[in-house]
Amino acid sequence: MTIDRKTLPPRIHPKGRWYYLVRAEGKKRIWEKLTRISAGLPELYRKLADLAQQEVVNDSMPAVVAAWRKEVGSRHSKKTQANDLYQTEEIAQRFAEFRACDVSPPDVKEFLKDLRDRPRTHNAYRAMLRELMRFAEELGFREPGTNPVDSIRTMSIKARDRYITDSELRRIKVAAMYGDDGLRTRSGAMVCALIDLAYLTGQRIGDLLELRWSLRLAMNAKGEIDAPYIDKDGIHFQPSKTESSTGARVLISWTPRLQGVIDRIRAMKRQNLRYVITTQDSQPYTYSGASSAWSRARERAHVKNCHFHDLRAKALTDKEDRDGMGAAKTMGAHSTEQQTATYVRQKKARKITATR
């Protein structure tokens, strides 16, 4: 069959039995196979239209997820990025065949249905999907004010009231130091130091793992402070959760006990000169590594229903009991006492006289 090249769109070349789109990449020419010549020009034009649409916009849910990770998620902390990746990967797979504009409230309800027996997980995935739909609106893939997740209620969650007693904490620290065989563990001393820092400062594990030995080591290439650090006045924190909101900072002043923990760490003579909390091999502790060490110690100590994060609640509870809610609020870097109140556990009954 004779083909008049003048009737073909630019960069389209017939070769053998196929039409090809020829792209130039520097001195190299890339031949992309399109349609069979025997299928005719209408089929060729349909294929070119599909390609043009893909190049102009890709509003598929997996593409929205990928764009969100690059533009938004990349600015989150390492720990948050790990959580983001896990959740967004699940969402991208479940909504792989959807365009962003096609996701409806019934679709969201169906996605969350299997998570209703886990309220916290349900609400976490609901929040992530809501954020992705907001981002889709921002990109122009949905009409403003049409977020389908808004129609789905969050699940109520019972406030956590676990208070770690002093006795339980001592047992966990002993279990961190000694394994099931009764021998000292390699990581025990550092894990105990991390536990003590968590209790004495009331800070989150993610911020403690980022702790640096000096202000200079806490600064990034732009000269900005982007990590907690130690100096002569105490330990400086800007909690990661407040960094992009209130920007609250807190200085935990030295006490003999807090100084003693840092002295213990220095005496371990680890080779890492940047991070305070390190492994036996002088590598920075990861969140998963520290959490696993805590879980192993807790299990050996036979202490149930106890998370590392409960140490923050214990610290703020004890601080409130000793120095009042205002002091606990400052330690927690909270903007309101109501935020602090969610951490303070009622470890014992409040004493008060009868009405009359």
Foldseek 3Di string as FASTA:
>chain_A
DDDDPVPDDPQWDDDDQFIWRWDDDDPDIDTHTFDGVVVDDVSRVVRVVVVVVVVVDDQQLLVLLVVCCVPPVVPADPVVNVVSVVLSVVVCVLRVVDGLAPDALVNLCVVLVVCVVPQVVSQVSLVSLQVSSVSCVVVVSYPPPRRRSVVPDRDDDDQDQDAQDPVLLVQLLVLLQADPVRHGDQFSLLLNLLLVCCQLLLADSVQLLQEWAAQVLQADPVRDRNHWYADPQAIKDQHSVCVPPVSFIAGRGDDVVNVVSQVSQVVLVQPANTTSRAGSVNHRDDPVRSQVSSVSSSVVSVPPPDGSNLSSLNNLQVCCVVPNLVRSCRSHSHPDSVVSVSSHHCPDDDDDDDPD
